[in-house]
Protein backbone atom coordinates (compact mmCIF):
# COMPACT_ATOMS: atom_id res chain seq x y z
CA MET A 1 0.19 15.82 3.72
CA GLY A 2 0.84 19.48 4.49
CA GLN A 3 4.58 19.24 3.89
CA GLU A 4 7.03 18.03 1.29
CA LYS A 5 9.19 15.11 2.44
CA PRO A 6 9.34 11.36 1.85
CA VAL A 7 6.94 9.43 4.08
CA HIS A 8 6.21 5.74 4.63
CA SER A 9 2.85 4.91 3.07
CA HIS A 10 0.80 1.92 1.92
CA ILE A 11 -1.63 1.66 -0.97
CA LEU A 12 -4.97 0.09 -0.07
CA SER A 13 -7.26 -1.27 -2.75
CA ASP A 14 -10.75 -2.77 -2.95
CA LEU A 15 -12.19 -0.36 -0.37
CA GLU A 16 -15.86 0.58 -0.35
CA VAL A 17 -17.76 3.46 1.23
CA SER A 18 -21.41 4.13 1.92
CA GLY A 19 -23.59 6.52 3.85
CA LEU A 20 -24.73 5.65 7.38
CA GLU A 21 -28.31 5.32 6.19
CA GLU A 22 -27.57 3.96 2.72
CA GLU A 23 -27.19 0.38 1.50
CA ASN A 24 -25.42 1.27 -1.73
CA TYR A 25 -21.65 0.70 -1.53
CA ILE A 26 -19.33 2.65 -3.81
CA ASP A 27 -15.88 1.43 -4.86
CA LEU A 28 -13.00 3.73 -3.98
CA PRO A 29 -9.82 4.08 -6.06
CA SER A 30 -6.46 3.25 -4.50
CA VAL A 31 -6.14 4.89 -1.09
CA PHE A 32 -2.83 6.09 0.36
CA THR A 33 -2.26 5.71 4.09
CA GLN A 34 -0.84 8.46 6.29
CA PRO A 35 0.19 8.45 9.97
CA GLU A 36 -2.22 11.32 10.61
CA ILE A 37 -4.65 13.56 8.77
CA PRO A 38 -4.50 17.36 9.36
CA VAL A 39 -8.18 17.47 10.31
CA LYS A 40 -9.69 17.17 13.78
CA LYS A 41 -12.97 15.79 15.08
CA GLU A 42 -14.07 19.35 15.87
CA ASN A 43 -14.21 20.07 12.12
CA ILE A 44 -17.18 17.71 11.69
CA PRO A 45 -20.31 19.89 11.33
CA GLN A 46 -23.09 19.33 13.87
CA GLN A 47 -26.85 19.53 13.40
CA ARG A 48 -27.20 22.30 16.01
CA GLU A 49 -24.84 24.50 13.99
CA LEU A 50 -27.29 24.53 11.06
CA GLN A 51 -30.29 25.70 13.09
CA LYS A 52 -29.56 29.41 12.56
CA TRP A 53 -30.21 28.99 8.83
CA THR A 54 -33.90 28.28 8.29
CA TYR A 55 -33.45 27.30 4.65
CA LEU A 56 -31.48 24.24 5.83
CA GLU A 57 -34.33 22.70 7.83
CA GLN A 58 -34.52 19.60 5.63
CA VAL A 59 -30.85 18.77 6.21
CA ARG A 60 -30.32 16.10 8.87
CA LEU A 61 -26.76 15.40 9.94
CA PRO A 62 -26.12 12.20 11.95
CA PHE A 63 -24.16 12.53 15.17
CA ILE A 64 -20.71 11.06 14.64
CA LYS A 65 -18.53 10.32 17.64
CA ALA A 66 -15.35 9.24 15.89
CA GLU A 67 -12.09 10.58 14.54
CA ILE A 68 -11.74 11.41 10.84
CA GLY A 69 -9.99 8.49 9.19
CA LEU A 70 -10.59 8.97 5.46
CA LEU A 71 -10.37 11.87 3.02
CA ILE A 72 -12.25 11.29 -0.25
CA GLY A 73 -10.81 13.08 -3.26
CA ALA A 74 -12.22 14.11 -6.60
CA ASN A 75 -11.04 10.84 -8.16
CA ALA A 76 -13.89 9.13 -6.27
CA HIS A 77 -16.44 11.17 -8.20
CA LYS A 78 -19.28 8.66 -7.74
CA ALA A 79 -19.11 9.12 -3.97
CA ILE A 80 -19.38 12.92 -4.10
CA GLU A 81 -21.67 13.24 -7.14
CA PRO A 82 -24.28 15.91 -6.28
CA TRP A 83 -27.82 14.57 -6.07
CA GLN A 84 -29.34 17.71 -4.57
CA VAL A 85 -27.95 21.19 -3.97
CA ILE A 86 -29.33 23.74 -1.48
CA HIS A 87 -27.86 27.09 -2.42
CA SER A 88 -26.61 29.57 0.14
CA GLN A 89 -28.56 32.63 1.23
CA GLY A 90 -26.70 35.71 2.35
CA ASP A 91 -23.47 34.71 4.06
CA GLY A 92 -24.85 31.26 4.93
CA LEU A 93 -23.73 27.80 3.94
CA TYR A 94 -24.62 25.72 0.94
CA VAL A 95 -25.02 21.97 1.22
CA VAL A 96 -24.89 19.14 -1.28
CA ARG A 97 -26.59 15.76 -0.90
CA THR A 98 -24.49 12.90 -2.30
CA ALA A 99 -24.57 9.10 -2.31
CA ILE A 100 -22.78 9.05 1.05
CA GLY A 101 -24.76 11.83 2.74
CA TRP A 102 -24.78 15.61 3.08
CA ILE A 103 -21.67 17.71 2.41
CA VAL A 104 -21.60 21.06 4.22
CA ASN A 105 -19.65 23.82 2.49
CA GLY A 106 -18.65 26.94 4.35
CA PRO A 107 -17.64 27.88 7.91
CA THR A 108 -20.09 26.63 10.55
CA ARG A 109 -18.29 28.46 13.37
CA ARG A 110 -16.81 31.89 13.87
CA GLU A 111 -13.10 32.38 13.31
CA ASP A 112 -12.43 32.78 17.05
CA GLU A 113 -14.07 29.39 17.77
CA LEU A 114 -11.82 27.43 15.46
CA GLN A 115 -8.58 25.89 16.69
CA TYR A 116 -6.09 25.72 13.90
CA THR A 117 -3.56 22.95 14.26
CA VAL A 118 -2.03 23.10 10.79
CA GLN A 119 -0.52 26.46 9.94
CA SER A 120 0.35 25.93 6.29
CA PHE A 121 -0.39 23.66 3.37
CA THR A 122 1.44 22.98 0.13
CA ALA A 123 -0.33 22.37 -3.15
CA ASN A 124 0.96 22.38 -6.72
CA ARG A 125 4.14 24.25 -6.03
CA ILE A 126 7.88 23.60 -5.90
CA SER A 127 9.25 23.75 -2.37
CA VAL A 128 11.86 26.35 -1.56
CA ALA A 129 15.09 24.48 -2.25
CA SER A 130 18.56 25.44 -3.30
CA ILE A 131 19.85 24.84 -6.81
CA GLU A 132 22.34 22.36 -5.38
CA GLU A 133 19.58 20.19 -3.85
CA LEU A 134 17.63 20.18 -7.12
CA LEU A 135 20.78 19.23 -9.03
CA ILE A 136 21.50 16.33 -6.65
CA GLN A 137 17.93 15.04 -7.00
CA HIS A 138 18.16 15.21 -10.79
CA TYR A 139 21.56 13.48 -10.79
CA ASN A 140 20.40 10.66 -8.53
CA SER A 141 17.32 10.05 -10.68
CA ASP A 142 19.50 9.58 -13.78
CA PHE A 143 22.36 7.71 -12.09
CA SER A 144 20.70 5.79 -9.29
CA GLU A 145 23.78 3.66 -8.63
CA ARG A 146 25.38 6.77 -7.14
CA SER A 147 22.67 6.80 -4.46
CA CYS A 148 23.38 3.14 -3.73
CA GLU A 149 27.07 3.90 -3.12
CA ASP A 150 26.09 6.47 -0.51
CA LYS A 151 24.13 3.93 1.54
CA THR A 152 25.29 3.25 5.07
CA GLU A 153 26.10 -0.17 6.42
CA MET A 154 23.35 -2.59 7.36
CA SER A 155 21.18 -1.53 10.27
CA GLN A 156 20.55 -3.63 13.35
CA GLU A 157 17.17 -4.64 11.91
CA ASP A 158 18.86 -5.83 8.70
CA ARG A 159 21.35 -7.89 10.70
CA LYS A 160 18.48 -9.30 12.76
CA PHE A 161 16.66 -10.26 9.56
CA LEU A 162 19.68 -12.13 8.15
CA GLN A 163 20.19 -13.89 11.46
CA SER A 164 16.56 -15.01 11.48
CA VAL A 165 16.87 -16.40 7.94
CA GLU A 166 20.08 -18.27 8.72
CA GLN A 167 18.63 -19.89 11.83
CA SER A 168 15.26 -20.88 10.38
CA ALA A 169 16.10 -21.81 6.76
CA GLN A 170 15.27 -25.43 5.93
CA LEU A 171 15.26 -27.45 2.71
CA ILE A 172 12.23 -29.75 2.68
CA ASN A 173 11.25 -31.76 -0.42
CA GLY A 174 13.17 -29.43 -2.72
CA HIS A 175 11.66 -26.25 -1.22
CA TYR A 176 13.27 -23.75 1.11
CA TYR A 177 11.30 -22.69 4.20
CA ILE A 178 12.05 -19.80 6.54
CA SER A 179 10.18 -18.43 9.52
CA LEU A 180 8.39 -15.11 9.28
CA PRO A 181 10.96 -12.48 10.37
CA PHE A 182 8.84 -10.71 12.99
CA LYS A 183 10.29 -7.59 14.56
CA THR A 184 9.42 -8.91 18.02
CA LYS A 185 8.83 -12.48 19.16
CA SER A 186 5.84 -11.48 21.29
CA VAL A 187 3.87 -9.95 18.41
CA LYS A 188 0.12 -9.49 18.97
CA MET A 189 -2.15 -9.01 15.97
CA PRO A 190 -5.73 -7.73 16.16
CA ASN A 191 -8.52 -9.91 14.79
CA ASN A 192 -8.99 -8.62 11.23
CA ARG A 193 -11.45 -11.30 10.11
CA THR A 194 -14.19 -8.72 9.35
CA VAL A 195 -11.92 -6.95 6.84
CA ALA A 196 -10.99 -10.21 5.13
CA GLU A 197 -14.64 -11.29 4.95
CA GLN A 198 -15.67 -7.95 3.46
CA ARG A 199 -12.95 -8.19 0.81
CA ALA A 200 -13.93 -11.82 0.10
CA THR A 201 -17.59 -10.84 -0.34
CA LYS A 202 -16.64 -8.16 -2.84
CA LEU A 203 -14.41 -10.63 -4.70
CA LYS A 204 -17.29 -13.12 -4.85
CA LYS A 205 -19.56 -10.50 -6.45
CA LYS A 206 -16.87 -9.75 -9.02
CA LEU A 207 -16.44 -13.45 -9.85
CA ILE A 208 -20.19 -13.89 -10.34
CA LYS A 209 -20.43 -10.87 -12.65
CA ASN A 210 -17.42 -11.90 -14.78
CA PRO A 211 -17.37 -15.62 -15.78
CA GLU A 212 -14.08 -15.27 -17.68
CA PHE A 213 -12.40 -13.73 -14.66
CA GLN A 214 -13.84 -16.50 -12.48
CA THR A 215 -12.45 -19.22 -14.77
CA ASP A 216 -8.95 -17.70 -14.84
CA TYR A 217 -9.04 -17.08 -11.10
CA ASN A 218 -10.05 -20.67 -10.30
CA ALA A 219 -7.33 -22.04 -12.59
CA PHE A 220 -4.68 -19.93 -10.88
CA MET A 221 -5.77 -20.98 -7.39
CA GLN A 222 -5.95 -24.66 -8.40
CA ASP A 223 -2.39 -24.39 -9.67
CA VAL A 224 -1.28 -22.85 -6.37
CA ILE A 225 -2.92 -25.66 -4.40
CA SER A 226 -1.64 -28.46 -6.66
CA LYS A 227 1.95 -27.22 -6.25
CA ASP A 228 1.59 -27.17 -2.45
CA TYR A 229 2.08 -23.41 -2.32
CA ALA A 230 -1.07 -23.28 -0.18
CA ALA A 231 -2.73 -25.77 2.14
CA LYS A 232 -6.09 -25.95 3.84
CA VAL A 233 -6.02 -24.91 7.48
CA SER A 234 -7.92 -27.13 9.89
CA ILE A 235 -10.57 -25.66 12.15
CA GLU A 236 -8.51 -26.57 15.20
CA ASN A 237 -5.62 -24.40 14.02
CA LEU A 238 -7.93 -21.42 13.52
CA TRP A 239 -8.62 -21.21 17.24
CA CYS A 240 -5.16 -20.11 18.28
CA LYS A 241 -4.29 -17.80 21.10
CA ASP A 242 -5.47 -14.23 20.88
CA GLY A 243 -3.14 -12.20 18.66
CA GLU A 244 -1.67 -15.17 16.77
CA VAL A 245 -4.08 -15.19 13.79
CA TRP A 246 -4.02 -12.83 10.81
CA TYR A 247 -6.25 -13.08 7.73
CA ILE A 248 -4.72 -11.98 4.42
CA PRO A 249 -7.18 -10.49 1.87
CA TYR A 250 -6.51 -11.29 -1.78
CA HIS A 251 -7.69 -10.26 -5.22
CA GLY A 252 -6.83 -10.96 -8.86
CA VAL A 253 -5.26 -8.63 -11.40
CA TYR A 254 -4.49 -9.05 -15.09
CA HIS A 255 -1.19 -8.27 -16.76
CA PRO A 256 -1.89 -5.20 -18.95
CA LYS A 257 -0.25 -6.76 -22.03
CA LYS A 258 -0.20 -10.55 -21.58
CA LYS A 259 -3.79 -10.85 -20.34
CA LYS A 260 -2.49 -13.22 -17.69
CA ILE A 261 -4.07 -13.26 -14.25
CA ARG A 262 -2.15 -13.09 -11.01
CA VAL A 263 -3.63 -13.37 -7.54
CA VAL A 264 -2.25 -10.76 -5.15
CA PHE A 265 -2.18 -11.58 -1.46
CA ASP A 266 -2.50 -8.18 0.18
CA CYS A 267 -0.11 -8.26 3.14
CA THR A 268 -0.27 -4.44 3.32
CA ALA A 269 -3.97 -4.52 4.28
CA THR A 270 -4.30 -2.56 7.51
CA TYR A 271 -6.65 -3.12 10.43
CA GLN A 272 -6.55 -0.88 13.50
CA GLY A 273 -3.30 0.61 12.21
CA VAL A 274 -1.62 -2.82 11.93
CA SER A 275 -0.66 -4.82 8.85
CA LEU A 276 1.37 -7.98 8.43
CA ASN A 277 4.10 -6.17 6.50
CA ASN A 278 4.74 -3.55 9.17
CA GLN A 279 5.22 -6.31 11.73
CA LEU A 280 7.95 -7.99 9.66
CA LEU A 281 11.58 -7.04 9.13
CA GLN A 282 12.18 -5.79 5.61
CA GLY A 283 15.76 -6.98 5.30
CA PRO A 284 18.71 -5.34 3.49
CA ASP A 285 18.49 -4.22 -0.12
CA LEU A 286 21.02 -6.40 -1.97
CA THR A 287 19.85 -5.60 -5.50
CA ASN A 288 22.28 -4.05 -7.97
CA THR A 289 20.69 -1.32 -10.07
CA LEU A 290 20.46 -2.04 -13.78
CA VAL A 291 21.79 1.45 -14.58
CA GLY A 292 24.92 0.75 -12.53
CA VAL A 293 25.47 -2.66 -14.17
CA LEU A 294 25.10 -1.26 -17.69
CA THR A 295 27.35 1.72 -16.93
CA ARG A 296 30.16 -0.40 -15.48
CA ARG A 297 29.82 -2.72 -18.49
CA ARG A 298 31.43 0.01 -20.61
CA LEU A 299 34.69 0.02 -18.64
CA GLU A 300 36.28 -3.07 -20.18
CA ARG A 301 35.76 -5.62 -22.91
CA ARG A 302 34.02 -7.93 -20.47
CA ALA A 303 32.41 -6.99 -17.19
CA ARG A 304 33.36 -9.09 -14.21
CA ARG A 305 31.75 -9.04 -10.80
CA VAL A 306 32.40 -11.35 -7.87
CA GLN A 307 29.69 -11.82 -5.26
CA ASN A 308 29.10 -14.60 -2.73
CA GLY A 309 32.06 -16.59 -4.08
CA CYS A 310 30.58 -16.65 -7.58
CA THR A 311 32.12 -15.00 -10.64
CA HIS A 312 29.70 -13.51 -13.18
CA LEU A 313 30.77 -12.75 -16.76
CA TRP A 314 28.71 -10.81 -19.26
CA GLY A 315 29.12 -11.77 -22.94
CA TYR A 316 30.29 -9.56 -25.78
CA PHE A 317 26.80 -8.72 -26.97
CA LEU A 318 25.01 -6.95 -24.18
CA PRO A 319 21.50 -7.04 -25.74
CA LYS A 320 21.58 -10.85 -25.53
CA LEU A 321 22.12 -10.63 -21.76
CA CYS A 322 24.07 -13.92 -21.72
CA LEU A 323 24.98 -14.54 -18.09
CA PHE A 324 27.57 -17.18 -17.26
CA CYS A 325 28.26 -18.32 -13.74
CA LEU A 326 31.40 -20.15 -12.64
CA GLU A 327 30.81 -21.69 -9.25
CA LYS A 328 33.56 -21.70 -6.69
CA ASP A 329 35.63 -24.94 -6.56
CA SER A 330 34.08 -26.12 -9.82
CA ARG A 331 35.42 -26.23 -13.36
CA ARG A 332 32.05 -26.51 -15.04
CA TRP A 333 30.38 -23.53 -16.65
CA LYS A 334 26.71 -23.04 -16.06
CA ARG A 335 24.59 -20.98 -18.35
């Protein structure tokens, strides 16, 4: 925001917004998180700043003592739909009443009263870059395996993640269990129950409005419970020490083509700047890119790759994607 470079961001869904004096909640589209927003609290217009324009007497702005934490774009058109417009007079302001309150348009202070913290913005333009940088970006987008070859060795966090998995991995009743790879052992999580309850209330409304969605959702959750993927938590376990409980919001989505529902447990949901995902180690990226596999397939009659003591052979006909695996110290072929 304000510059062109890769940043770490999360996508938040199922958020709602309303005015301070309104009871009507409006759904927001997917929201992207940012470490900071280039707007300060001083940019919030105050009621006293509108007194010099008599034609704005009916406008009442609530006093807000908080930092700006959300920017609403044009894709949330229901939230900023104009209900009433008070046109400007002379060099004055014009204001628009929306579902979430009044929007003030125009400078409320003189230029010498404003403190600019962001000197430049970028919008709909190509950053000043050399031809060589653009060529490298284009090359890496077409041949992504080249980018993988340029990766450095595993970081200390990646090594810590693998060590945590090796020490905690257990095989119980045919299922593997590992401990959550927290970045620190003394992790403290804020109580995000209000966020989870709000998301659950919205989900309940959606289930009531859509019986078909409710039926598919219940069937999916029953399947999860019957396979012991989830278990009921006793009330005693809910009253853990402060900072040891985290509620995960969830919602259901349909596959765009198969019309098959899948329940998404939103571990990226943020509360007070904290989410479960950003408290966990990500681990090393051990995935081979499909472009690299298909490109190396052209080198010989059969492609051969050895990894973790296991030899993989691809068949003659690549579209069939017949993968054979010959385990180490074994003479049996597994398909």
